[in-house]
Amino acid sequence: MGENNRGEMSTLSLKKLSVEPSLRTNRYGIVTYGEMYYAVITDGDTLTLADAHNYIYANANTEILTNKTDWTGSAKTLPLNYFENTGRESAKIIKFTGVYQYTASSNSKTSRFEKPRSSFDCSTGSTHIKNAISETVVKGDTAGGTIGWNGKIGDDLAIDGVDVPIAEMRETYTKTMSTSDLDTRYKRLVASAVGKVNLKTFNGWSEGEVQFLGMSYSDVKTTDSEVVCTFQFLIRPNETDYTIDDQTISKEGFEYVWATYDNIIEDGVPKVQYKDIIKNQVFKKIDFRILGL
C-alpha cells in the first residue's frame, strides 16, 4: 500500500458519507433495494483502486437495516450485493456506493432473482504475430527471430508477420432481473464496464483473464416486473511462459507484448535483432461484482 509522508506504511480508513441508507420499495411497498455511500481514505500519497476495493469489502457493512419489520417485530435487513466505484475525489480518496438488495440467496418471497445460468463457447480466432518461438535457418542468414522481415534496414525495414489461430473463448450468463433495477444508473454502470478486465477472480478465471463485452435484454418480460438479461464475456488465459527472443515472461491474457528492433550490417549482410521488449496493460480493470451477477 505504499508509505505515508513519515516513511511509515500507509494505513486506510473508511468513512460513511450517508447516515441512513437510501431505500426503494416495490409496488407492494416492500423494501427490496438500498444504497449506502462510502469513501476509502489513505494517509499515504496515492490510494490504488485495488487497495480500495479490498478494504471496502473487508470493512464496510455487509447488510443494512430497512425501515420495515417482519412478523416478529424485528427490523428487516438487506444483504450486500456489491460495491460500485463512483469516482476519485483526490489521489487519497475513492468513493463507493454499496448496493444492498435481495438475491437468490436472500430467500425473498418477493424476489425471483436466481443464480445466473451460463454457457460456454470455444471456437477458432486469430492473432497477428511478428515474433517466432524458434527459428531454423535453412539457407542464408538469421532473421533474428522475426517473421516476414523484408531483409532491409533503416527506414525501409518491414516485418510482415503472420496470422495464427488461437482459441476464442466466450462465456454468456443469463439472469432474470427486476425492471426496477435496470434504470439509467445501472445502464450507465454497464456501459462503463464494457471493455474492462476483471480485477478479481471471476467464476473460476484468474485476475486479468476476462473482458466484459456487454449486456442486453429484450422487452419480452417474464412477469410484469422482470426480464431476462444476457451478459457476454471474452476469455483469454494468462500465460506464465510467454517467450520472445531469449526472454520468458508472465503476461495476463489481455496484456500486450511488443518489441522494437535494431538493424545492423554484419560482414556486409543486413541483419535484424531485438532491441526493446515491452509489456503493456491496455485495458482498465474493475471488479465485475458491480454488475450484480
C-alpha atoms as a PDB file:
ATOM      1  CA  MET A   1       0.000   0.000   0.000  1.00  0.00           C
ATOM      2  CA  GLY A   2       2.997   2.308  -0.052  1.00  0.00           C
ATOM      3  CA  GLU A   3       4.291   4.743   2.566  1.00  0.00           C
ATOM      4  CA  ASN A   4       2.998   7.965   4.049  1.00  0.00           C
ATOM      5  CA  ASN A   5       4.998  11.190   4.313  1.00  0.00           C
ATOM      6  CA  ARG A   6       6.551   9.965   7.578  1.00  0.00           C
ATOM      7  CA  GLY A   7       8.143   6.984   5.839  1.00  0.00           C
ATOM      8  CA  GLU A   8       5.719   4.566   7.547  1.00  0.00           C
ATOM      9  CA  MET A   9       3.472   2.027   5.844  1.00  0.00           C
ATOM     10  CA  SER A  10       0.308   3.860   4.850  1.00  0.00           C
ATOM     11  CA  THR A  11      -2.982   2.956   6.518  1.00  0.00           C
ATOM     12  CA  LEU A  12      -6.529   3.036   5.169  1.00  0.00           C
ATOM     13  CA  SER A  13      -9.768   4.166   6.778  1.00  0.00           C
ATOM     14  CA  LEU A  14     -13.445   4.014   5.851  1.00  0.00           C
ATOM     15  CA  LYS A  15     -15.844   6.948   6.084  1.00  0.00           C
ATOM     16  CA  LYS A  16     -19.611   6.709   5.745  1.00  0.00           C
ATOM     17  CA  LEU A  17     -20.953   9.501   3.563  1.00  0.00           C
ATOM     18  CA  SER A  18     -24.590   8.772   4.449  1.00  0.00           C
ATOM     19  CA  VAL A  19     -26.113   8.324   7.890  1.00  0.00           C
ATOM     20  CA  GLU A  20     -29.172   6.419   6.676  1.00  0.00           C
ATOM     21  CA  PRO A  21     -29.477   4.182   3.600  1.00  0.00           C
ATOM     22  CA  SER A  22     -31.371   5.286   0.516  1.00  0.00           C
ATOM     23  CA  LEU A  23     -34.169   2.705   0.107  1.00  0.00           C
ATOM     24  CA  ARG A  24     -36.506   1.635  -2.694  1.00  0.00           C
ATOM     25  CA  THR A  25     -39.762  -0.276  -2.399  1.00  0.00           C
ATOM     26  CA  ASN A  26     -41.585  -2.370  -4.951  1.00  0.00           C
ATOM     27  CA  ARG A  27     -45.212  -1.828  -5.903  1.00  0.00           C
ATOM     28  CA  TYR A  28     -46.305  -3.798  -2.830  1.00  0.00           C
ATOM     29  CA  GLY A  29     -44.466  -1.426  -0.511  1.00  0.00           C
ATOM     30  CA  ILE A  30     -41.750  -3.962   0.337  1.00  0.00           C
ATOM     31  CA  VAL A  31     -38.168  -2.669   0.579  1.00  0.00           C
ATOM     32  CA  THR A  32     -36.059  -4.627  -1.940  1.00  0.00           C
ATOM     33  CA  TYR A  33     -33.144  -2.270  -2.626  1.00  0.00           C
ATOM     34  CA  GLY A  34     -30.888   0.083  -0.686  1.00  0.00           C
ATOM     35  CA  GLU A  35     -27.738   2.137  -1.126  1.00  0.00           C
ATOM     36  CA  MET A  36     -25.091   3.394   1.315  1.00  0.00           C
ATOM     37  CA  TYR A  37     -22.298   5.783   0.380  1.00  0.00           C
ATOM     38  CA  TYR A  38     -18.694   5.412   1.487  1.00  0.00           C
ATOM     39  CA  ALA A  39     -15.197   6.788   0.966  1.00  0.00           C
ATOM     40  CA  VAL A  40     -11.933   4.871   1.402  1.00  0.00           C
ATOM     41  CA  ILE A  41      -9.071   7.135   2.504  1.00  0.00           C
ATOM     42  CA  THR A  42      -5.306   6.606   2.722  1.00  0.00           C
ATOM     43  CA  ASP A  43      -2.759   8.588   4.728  1.00  0.00           C
ATOM     44  CA  GLY A  44      -0.201   7.809   2.020  1.00  0.00           C
ATOM     45  CA  ASP A  45       0.392   9.703  -1.204  1.00  0.00           C
ATOM     46  CA  THR A  46      -1.904   7.712  -3.520  1.00  0.00           C
ATOM     47  CA  LEU A  47      -4.724   5.206  -2.990  1.00  0.00           C
ATOM     48  CA  THR A  48      -4.934   2.490  -5.644  1.00  0.00           C
ATOM     49  CA  LEU A  49      -8.306   1.151  -6.792  1.00  0.00           C
ATOM     50  CA  ALA A  50      -7.250  -2.418  -5.966  1.00  0.00           C
ATOM     51  CA  ASP A  51      -6.376  -1.492  -2.363  1.00  0.00           C
ATOM     52  CA  ALA A  52      -9.608   0.477  -2.004  1.00  0.00           C
ATOM     53  CA  HIS A  53     -11.693  -2.449  -3.312  1.00  0.00           C
ATOM     54  CA  ASN A  54     -10.044  -4.896  -0.931  1.00  0.00           C
ATOM     55  CA  TYR A  55     -10.508  -2.574   2.020  1.00  0.00           C
ATOM     56  CA  ILE A  56     -14.165  -1.719   1.474  1.00  0.00           C
ATOM     57  CA  TYR A  57     -15.208  -5.344   1.002  1.00  0.00           C
ATOM     58  CA  ALA A  58     -13.401  -6.234   4.224  1.00  0.00           C
ATOM     59  CA  ASN A  59     -14.691  -3.339   6.354  1.00  0.00           C
ATOM     60  CA  ALA A  60     -18.000  -1.898   5.125  1.00  0.00           C
ATOM     61  CA  ASN A  61     -21.467  -3.045   6.219  1.00  0.00           C
ATOM     62  CA  THR A  62     -22.460  -6.480   4.914  1.00  0.00           C
ATOM     63  CA  GLU A  63     -26.135  -5.656   5.469  1.00  0.00           C
ATOM     64  CA  ILE A  64     -28.313  -2.632   6.202  1.00  0.00           C
ATOM     65  CA  LEU A  65     -31.456  -2.149   8.275  1.00  0.00           C
ATOM     66  CA  THR A  66     -34.620  -1.093   6.483  1.00  0.00           C
ATOM     67  CA  ASN A  67     -37.481   0.895   7.927  1.00  0.00           C
ATOM     68  CA  LYS A  68     -39.697  -2.213   7.877  1.00  0.00           C
ATOM     69  CA  THR A  69     -40.190  -5.042  10.379  1.00  0.00           C
ATOM     70  CA  ASP A  70     -41.078  -8.699   9.951  1.00  0.00           C
ATOM     71  CA  TRP A  71     -43.945 -10.528  11.653  1.00  0.00           C
ATOM     72  CA  THR A  72     -41.924 -10.881  14.880  1.00  0.00           C
ATOM     73  CA  GLY A  73     -41.356  -7.139  15.088  1.00  0.00           C
ATOM     74  CA  SER A  74     -37.642  -7.469  14.228  1.00  0.00           C
ATOM     75  CA  ALA A  75     -36.128  -4.982  11.829  1.00  0.00           C
ATOM     76  CA  LYS A  76     -35.694  -6.339   8.317  1.00  0.00           C
ATOM     77  CA  THR A  77     -32.289  -6.223   6.660  1.00  0.00           C
ATOM     78  CA  LEU A  78     -30.967  -6.138   3.090  1.00  0.00           C
ATOM     79  CA  PRO A  79     -27.751  -8.054   2.302  1.00  0.00           C
ATOM     80  CA  LEU A  80     -24.808  -6.544   0.453  1.00  0.00           C
ATOM     81  CA  ASN A  81     -24.732  -7.318  -3.265  1.00  0.00           C
ATOM     82  CA  TYR A  82     -21.731  -5.289  -4.474  1.00  0.00           C
ATOM     83  CA  PHE A  83     -19.805  -2.024  -4.204  1.00  0.00           C
ATOM     84  CA  GLU A  84     -19.710   0.368  -7.161  1.00  0.00           C
ATOM     85  CA  ASN A  85     -16.740   2.695  -7.595  1.00  0.00           C
ATOM     86  CA  THR A  86     -18.297   6.145  -8.085  1.00  0.00           C
ATOM     87  CA  GLY A  87     -15.153   8.183  -8.593  1.00  0.00           C
ATOM     88  CA  ARG A  88     -11.937   9.516  -7.143  1.00  0.00           C
ATOM     89  CA  GLU A  89     -12.269  12.645  -5.002  1.00  0.00           C
ATOM     90  CA  SER A  90      -8.492  13.034  -4.830  1.00  0.00           C
ATOM     91  CA  ALA A  91      -5.337  10.937  -5.053  1.00  0.00           C
ATOM     92  CA  LYS A  92      -6.028   9.803  -1.481  1.00  0.00           C
ATOM     93  CA  ILE A  93      -9.818   9.266  -1.565  1.00  0.00           C
ATOM     94  CA  ILE A  94     -12.013   6.918  -3.654  1.00  0.00           C
ATOM     95  CA  LYS A  95     -15.801   6.904  -3.288  1.00  0.00           C
ATOM     96  CA  PHE A  96     -18.094   3.873  -3.433  1.00  0.00           C
ATOM     97  CA  THR A  97     -21.793   3.121  -3.419  1.00  0.00           C
ATOM     98  CA  GLY A  98     -22.775  -0.018  -1.544  1.00  0.00           C
ATOM     99  CA  VAL A  99     -25.718  -1.744  -3.246  1.00  0.00           C
ATOM    100  CA  TYR A 100     -27.874  -3.865  -0.927  1.00  0.00           C
ATOM    101  CA  GLN A 101     -30.656  -5.981  -2.387  1.00  0.00           C
ATOM    102  CA  TYR A 102     -32.319  -9.354  -2.335  1.00  0.00           C
ATOM    103  CA  THR A 103     -30.642 -12.028  -4.459  1.00  0.00           C
ATOM    104  CA  ALA A 104     -31.245 -15.733  -4.895  1.00  0.00           C
ATOM    105  CA  SER A 105     -29.558 -16.407  -1.550  1.00  0.00           C
ATOM    106  CA  SER A 106     -31.820 -13.928   0.244  1.00  0.00           C
ATOM    107  CA  ASN A 107     -34.826 -16.288   0.107  1.00  0.00           C
ATOM    108  CA  SER A 108     -37.051 -13.297  -0.572  1.00  0.00           C
ATOM    109  CA  LYS A 109     -40.643 -14.253  -1.368  1.00  0.00           C
ATOM    110  CA  THR A 110     -40.982 -11.116  -3.448  1.00  0.00           C
ATOM    111  CA  SER A 111     -37.807 -11.596  -5.496  1.00  0.00           C
ATOM    112  CA  ARG A 112     -37.258 -14.075  -8.345  1.00  0.00           C
ATOM    113  CA  PHE A 113     -33.566 -13.254  -8.777  1.00  0.00           C
ATOM    114  CA  GLU A 114     -31.776 -16.507  -9.493  1.00  0.00           C
ATOM    115  CA  LYS A 115     -28.237 -17.746  -9.874  1.00  0.00           C
ATOM    116  CA  PRO A 116     -27.096 -16.827 -13.422  1.00  0.00           C
ATOM    117  CA  ARG A 117     -27.208 -19.612 -15.997  1.00  0.00           C
ATOM    118  CA  SER A 118     -24.037 -19.888 -18.045  1.00  0.00           C
ATOM    119  CA  SER A 119     -22.993 -21.146 -21.461  1.00  0.00           C
ATOM    120  CA  PHE A 120     -19.512 -21.584 -22.907  1.00  0.00           C
ATOM    121  CA  ASP A 121     -18.156 -21.453 -26.448  1.00  0.00           C
ATOM    122  CA  CYS A 122     -14.603 -22.162 -27.627  1.00  0.00           C
ATOM    123  CA  SER A 123     -14.010 -21.535 -31.324  1.00  0.00           C
ATOM    124  CA  THR A 124     -11.099 -20.537 -33.530  1.00  0.00           C
ATOM    125  CA  GLY A 125      -9.914 -16.946 -33.588  1.00  0.00           C
ATOM    126  CA  SER A 126      -6.684 -15.466 -34.889  1.00  0.00           C
ATOM    127  CA  THR A 127      -3.913 -13.170 -33.806  1.00  0.00           C
ATOM    128  CA  HIS A 128      -1.122 -11.480 -35.747  1.00  0.00           C
ATOM    129  CA  ILE A 129       2.420 -12.241 -34.595  1.00  0.00           C
ATOM    130  CA  LYS A 130       5.796 -10.934 -35.748  1.00  0.00           C
ATOM    131  CA  ASN A 131       8.000 -12.929 -33.404  1.00  0.00           C
ATOM    132  CA  ALA A 132       8.773 -16.632 -33.761  1.00  0.00           C
ATOM    133  CA  ILE A 133       9.076 -19.067 -30.850  1.00  0.00           C
ATOM    134  CA  SER A 134      12.161 -20.518 -32.539  1.00  0.00           C
ATOM    135  CA  GLU A 135      13.985 -20.133 -35.844  1.00  0.00           C
ATOM    136  CA  THR A 136      15.809 -22.559 -38.144  1.00  0.00           C
ATOM    137  CA  VAL A 137      17.932 -21.072 -40.932  1.00  0.00           C
ATOM    138  CA  VAL A 138      17.614 -23.364 -43.952  1.00  0.00           C
ATOM    139  CA  LYS A 139      19.749 -21.130 -46.177  1.00  0.00           C
ATOM    140  CA  GLY A 140      21.275 -17.699 -45.737  1.00  0.00           C
ATOM    141  CA  ASP A 141      21.271 -15.670 -42.533  1.00  0.00           C
ATOM    142  CA  THR A 142      19.057 -15.386 -39.476  1.00  0.00           C
ATOM    143  CA  ALA A 143      16.036 -13.084 -39.411  1.00  0.00           C
ATOM    144  CA  GLY A 144      16.628 -12.507 -35.691  1.00  0.00           C
ATOM    145  CA  GLY A 145      13.521 -14.413 -34.659  1.00  0.00           C
ATOM    146  CA  THR A 146      11.217 -12.144 -36.649  1.00  0.00           C
ATOM    147  CA  ILE A 147       8.662 -13.397 -39.171  1.00  0.00           C
ATOM    148  CA  GLY A 148       8.450 -11.919 -42.666  1.00  0.00           C
ATOM    149  CA  TRP A 149      11.360  -9.498 -42.432  1.00  0.00           C
ATOM    150  CA  ASN A 150      11.965  -7.946 -45.864  1.00  0.00           C
ATOM    151  CA  GLY A 151      15.765  -8.097 -45.497  1.00  0.00           C
ATOM    152  CA  LYS A 152      16.154  -4.307 -45.432  1.00  0.00           C
ATOM    153  CA  ILE A 153      17.351  -1.936 -42.736  1.00  0.00           C
ATOM    154  CA  GLY A 154      16.718   1.653 -41.749  1.00  0.00           C
ATOM    155  CA  ASP A 155      13.524   3.323 -42.896  1.00  0.00           C
ATOM    156  CA  ASP A 156      12.909   0.545 -45.424  1.00  0.00           C
ATOM    157  CA  LEU A 157      12.756  -2.192 -42.758  1.00  0.00           C
ATOM    158  CA  ALA A 158       9.429  -4.036 -42.622  1.00  0.00           C
ATOM    159  CA  ILE A 159       8.308  -7.117 -40.706  1.00  0.00           C
ATOM    160  CA  ASP A 160       5.075  -8.521 -42.118  1.00  0.00           C
ATOM    161  CA  GLY A 161       4.336 -11.179 -39.509  1.00  0.00           C
ATOM    162  CA  VAL A 162       1.686 -13.848 -39.926  1.00  0.00           C
ATOM    163  CA  ASP A 163      -1.843 -14.624 -38.698  1.00  0.00           C
ATOM    164  CA  VAL A 164      -2.032 -17.715 -36.470  1.00  0.00           C
ATOM    165  CA  PRO A 165      -5.069 -19.481 -34.979  1.00  0.00           C
ATOM    166  CA  ILE A 166      -5.843 -19.139 -31.269  1.00  0.00           C
ATOM    167  CA  ALA A 167      -8.672 -20.240 -29.018  1.00  0.00           C
ATOM    168  CA  GLU A 168     -11.531 -17.725 -28.882  1.00  0.00           C
ATOM    169  CA  MET A 169     -13.393 -18.448 -25.646  1.00  0.00           C
ATOM    170  CA  ARG A 170     -16.625 -16.760 -24.662  1.00  0.00           C
ATOM    171  CA  GLU A 171     -18.924 -17.167 -21.702  1.00  0.00           C
ATOM    172  CA  THR A 172     -22.526 -15.988 -21.639  1.00  0.00           C
ATOM    173  CA  TYR A 173     -24.567 -15.522 -18.474  1.00  0.00           C
ATOM    174  CA  THR A 174     -28.331 -15.095 -18.395  1.00  0.00           C
ATOM    175  CA  LYS A 175     -30.174 -13.861 -15.353  1.00  0.00           C
ATOM    176  CA  THR A 176     -33.685 -12.733 -14.510  1.00  0.00           C
ATOM    177  CA  MET A 177     -33.577  -9.188 -13.176  1.00  0.00           C
ATOM    178  CA  SER A 178     -36.133  -6.729 -11.884  1.00  0.00           C
ATOM    179  CA  THR A 179     -37.005  -3.967 -14.343  1.00  0.00           C
ATOM    180  CA  SER A 180     -36.877  -1.505 -11.439  1.00  0.00           C
ATOM    181  CA  ASP A 181     -33.140  -2.218 -11.121  1.00  0.00           C
ATOM    182  CA  LEU A 182     -32.482  -1.677 -14.830  1.00  0.00           C
ATOM    183  CA  ASP A 183     -32.644   2.080 -14.548  1.00  0.00           C
ATOM    184  CA  THR A 184     -30.450   4.684 -16.218  1.00  0.00           C
ATOM    185  CA  ARG A 185     -27.935   4.488 -13.374  1.00  0.00           C
ATOM    186  CA  TYR A 186     -27.471   0.753 -13.931  1.00  0.00           C
ATOM    187  CA  LYS A 187     -27.267   1.168 -17.712  1.00  0.00           C
ATOM    188  CA  ARG A 188     -24.509   3.767 -17.258  1.00  0.00           C
ATOM    189  CA  LEU A 189     -22.746   1.309 -14.960  1.00  0.00           C
ATOM    190  CA  VAL A 190     -22.924  -1.428 -17.620  1.00  0.00           C
ATOM    191  CA  ALA A 191     -21.603   0.949 -20.290  1.00  0.00           C
ATOM    192  CA  SER A 192     -18.677   1.962 -18.067  1.00  0.00           C
ATOM    193  CA  ALA A 193     -17.758  -1.717 -17.579  1.00  0.00           C
ATOM    194  CA  VAL A 194     -17.626  -2.636 -21.288  1.00  0.00           C
ATOM    195  CA  GLY A 195     -14.076  -3.408 -22.407  1.00  0.00           C
ATOM    196  CA  LYS A 196     -12.799  -3.635 -18.832  1.00  0.00           C
ATOM    197  CA  VAL A 197     -10.919  -6.673 -17.479  1.00  0.00           C
ATOM    198  CA  ASN A 198     -11.565  -8.496 -14.213  1.00  0.00           C
ATOM    199  CA  LEU A 199      -9.755  -7.075 -11.181  1.00  0.00           C
ATOM    200  CA  LYS A 200     -10.780 -10.069  -9.051  1.00  0.00           C
ATOM    201  CA  THR A 201     -11.193 -13.794  -9.708  1.00  0.00           C
ATOM    202  CA  PHE A 202     -14.393 -14.187 -11.737  1.00  0.00           C
ATOM    203  CA  ASN A 203     -16.241 -17.517 -11.849  1.00  0.00           C
ATOM    204  CA  GLY A 204     -13.024 -19.521 -11.729  1.00  0.00           C
ATOM    205  CA  TRP A 205     -10.976 -17.292 -14.040  1.00  0.00           C
ATOM    206  CA  SER A 206      -7.947 -15.521 -12.571  1.00  0.00           C
ATOM    207  CA  GLU A 207      -7.414 -11.754 -12.477  1.00  0.00           C
ATOM    208  CA  GLY A 208      -6.732 -10.402 -15.976  1.00  0.00           C
ATOM    209  CA  GLU A 209      -8.340 -13.262 -17.941  1.00  0.00           C
ATOM    210  CA  VAL A 210     -11.888 -11.958 -18.543  1.00  0.00           C
ATOM    211  CA  GLN A 211     -13.140  -8.979 -20.541  1.00  0.00           C
ATOM    212  CA  PHE A 212     -16.731  -7.726 -20.352  1.00  0.00           C
ATOM    213  CA  LEU A 213     -18.280  -7.322 -23.817  1.00  0.00           C
ATOM    214  CA  GLY A 214     -21.715  -6.051 -22.859  1.00  0.00           C
ATOM    215  CA  MET A 215     -25.237  -6.812 -21.655  1.00  0.00           C
ATOM    216  CA  SER A 216     -28.612  -6.935 -23.356  1.00  0.00           C
ATOM    217  CA  TYR A 217     -32.253  -7.695 -22.684  1.00  0.00           C
ATOM    218  CA  SER A 218     -35.457  -7.581 -24.700  1.00  0.00           C
ATOM    219  CA  ASP A 219     -38.871  -6.164 -23.879  1.00  0.00           C
ATOM    220  CA  VAL A 220     -40.294  -9.669 -23.529  1.00  0.00           C
ATOM    221  CA  LYS A 221     -40.903  -9.867 -19.789  1.00  0.00           C
ATOM    222  CA  THR A 222     -41.102 -12.992 -17.654  1.00  0.00           C
ATOM    223  CA  THR A 223     -43.586 -11.150 -15.435  1.00  0.00           C
ATOM    224  CA  ASP A 224     -44.816  -7.577 -15.269  1.00  0.00           C
ATOM    225  CA  SER A 225     -41.652  -6.589 -13.408  1.00  0.00           C
ATOM    226  CA  GLU A 226     -38.821  -8.866 -14.611  1.00  0.00           C
ATOM    227  CA  VAL A 227     -36.796  -9.527 -17.783  1.00  0.00           C
ATOM    228  CA  VAL A 228     -34.059 -11.977 -18.758  1.00  0.00           C
ATOM    229  CA  CYS A 229     -30.679 -10.245 -19.189  1.00  0.00           C
ATOM    230  CA  THR A 230     -27.688 -11.622 -21.110  1.00  0.00           C
ATOM    231  CA  PHE A 231     -24.072 -10.787 -20.199  1.00  0.00           C
ATOM    232  CA  GLN A 232     -21.196 -11.541 -22.623  1.00  0.00           C
ATOM    233  CA  PHE A 233     -17.551 -12.114 -21.655  1.00  0.00           C
ATOM    234  CA  LEU A 234     -14.373 -12.857 -23.644  1.00  0.00           C
ATOM    235  CA  ILE A 235     -11.781 -15.168 -22.069  1.00  0.00           C
ATOM    236  CA  ARG A 236      -8.016 -15.100 -22.691  1.00  0.00           C
ATOM    237  CA  PRO A 237      -5.940 -17.210 -20.281  1.00  0.00           C
ATOM    238  CA  ASN A 238      -2.904 -15.752 -18.549  1.00  0.00           C
ATOM    239  CA  GLU A 239       0.494 -17.112 -19.583  1.00  0.00           C
ATOM    240  CA  THR A 240       3.414 -17.854 -17.258  1.00  0.00           C
ATOM    241  CA  ASP A 241       5.834 -18.912 -20.005  1.00  0.00           C
ATOM    242  CA  TYR A 242       5.363 -16.362 -22.799  1.00  0.00           C
ATOM    243  CA  THR A 243       8.602 -16.402 -24.828  1.00  0.00           C
ATOM    244  CA  ILE A 244      10.004 -13.644 -27.023  1.00  0.00           C
ATOM    245  CA  ASP A 245      13.636 -13.632 -28.184  1.00  0.00           C
ATOM    246  CA  ASP A 246      15.519 -15.249 -25.273  1.00  0.00           C
ATOM    247  CA  GLN A 247      13.130 -13.850 -22.651  1.00  0.00           C
ATOM    248  CA  THR A 248      10.419 -15.848 -20.872  1.00  0.00           C
ATOM    249  CA  ILE A 249       7.886 -13.707 -19.021  1.00  0.00           C
ATOM    250  CA  SER A 250       4.469 -13.875 -17.391  1.00  0.00           C
ATOM    251  CA  LYS A 251       1.654 -11.930 -19.019  1.00  0.00           C
ATOM    252  CA  GLU A 252      -2.039 -11.586 -18.368  1.00  0.00           C
ATOM    253  CA  GLY A 253      -4.461 -12.579 -21.089  1.00  0.00           C
ATOM    254  CA  PHE A 254      -5.292  -9.002 -22.089  1.00  0.00           C
ATOM    255  CA  GLU A 255      -1.805  -7.530 -21.733  1.00  0.00           C
ATOM    256  CA  TYR A 256       0.101  -6.738 -24.932  1.00  0.00           C
ATOM    257  CA  VAL A 257       3.748  -7.612 -25.546  1.00  0.00           C
ATOM    258  CA  TRP A 258       5.646  -5.964 -28.395  1.00  0.00           C
ATOM    259  CA  ALA A 259       9.201  -5.282 -29.487  1.00  0.00           C
ATOM    260  CA  THR A 260      11.428  -2.784 -31.240  1.00  0.00           C
ATOM    261  CA  TYR A 261      14.335  -3.841 -33.418  1.00  0.00           C
ATOM    262  CA  ASP A 262      17.910  -2.872 -34.190  1.00  0.00           C
ATOM    263  CA  ASN A 263      19.105  -3.371 -37.739  1.00  0.00           C
ATOM    264  CA  ILE A 264      22.780  -3.821 -38.417  1.00  0.00           C
ATOM    265  CA  ILE A 265      25.149  -4.798 -41.191  1.00  0.00           C
ATOM    266  CA  GLU A 266      27.465  -7.656 -40.333  1.00  0.00           C
ATOM    267  CA  ASP A 267      30.060  -8.799 -42.911  1.00  0.00           C
ATOM    268  CA  GLY A 268      28.182  -6.782 -45.489  1.00  0.00           C
ATOM    269  CA  VAL A 269      24.917  -8.575 -44.758  1.00  0.00           C
ATOM    270  CA  PRO A 270      21.904  -6.720 -43.249  1.00  0.00           C
ATOM    271  CA  LYS A 271      20.557  -8.296 -40.061  1.00  0.00           C
ATOM    272  CA  VAL A 272      17.790  -7.521 -37.603  1.00  0.00           C
ATOM    273  CA  GLN A 273      17.820  -8.152 -33.859  1.00  0.00           C
ATOM    274  CA  TYR A 274      15.612  -7.380 -30.883  1.00  0.00           C
ATOM    275  CA  LYS A 275      16.265  -4.097 -29.113  1.00  0.00           C
ATOM    276  CA  ASP A 276      13.441  -3.459 -26.628  1.00  0.00           C
ATOM    277  CA  ILE A 277      10.728  -5.809 -25.361  1.00  0.00           C
ATOM    278  CA  ILE A 278       7.769  -4.070 -23.724  1.00  0.00           C
ATOM    279  CA  LYS A 279       4.693  -5.361 -21.894  1.00  0.00           C
ATOM    280  CA  ASN A 280       1.679  -3.011 -21.745  1.00  0.00           C
ATOM    281  CA  GLN A 281      -1.604  -3.015 -19.864  1.00  0.00           C
ATOM    282  CA  VAL A 282      -4.092  -1.574 -22.330  1.00  0.00           C
ATOM    283  CA  PHE A 283      -7.433  -2.216 -20.560  1.00  0.00           C
ATOM    284  CA  LYS A 284      -8.589  -0.853 -17.218  1.00  0.00           C
ATOM    285  CA  LYS A 285      -9.592  -3.331 -14.507  1.00  0.00           C
ATOM    286  CA  ILE A 286     -12.764  -3.388 -12.417  1.00  0.00           C
ATOM    287  CA  ASP A 287     -14.500  -5.763 -10.018  1.00  0.00           C
ATOM    288  CA  PHE A 288     -17.263  -7.465 -12.026  1.00  0.00           C
ATOM    289  CA  ARG A 289     -19.366  -7.808  -8.868  1.00  0.00           C
ATOM    290  CA  ILE A 290     -20.652  -4.325  -9.703  1.00  0.00           C
ATOM    291  CA  LEU A 291     -22.751  -5.994 -12.432  1.00  0.00           C
ATOM    292  CA  GLY A 292     -24.750  -7.884  -9.816  1.00  0.00           C
ATOM    293  CA  LEU A 293     -24.039 -11.342 -11.225  1.00  0.00           C
END
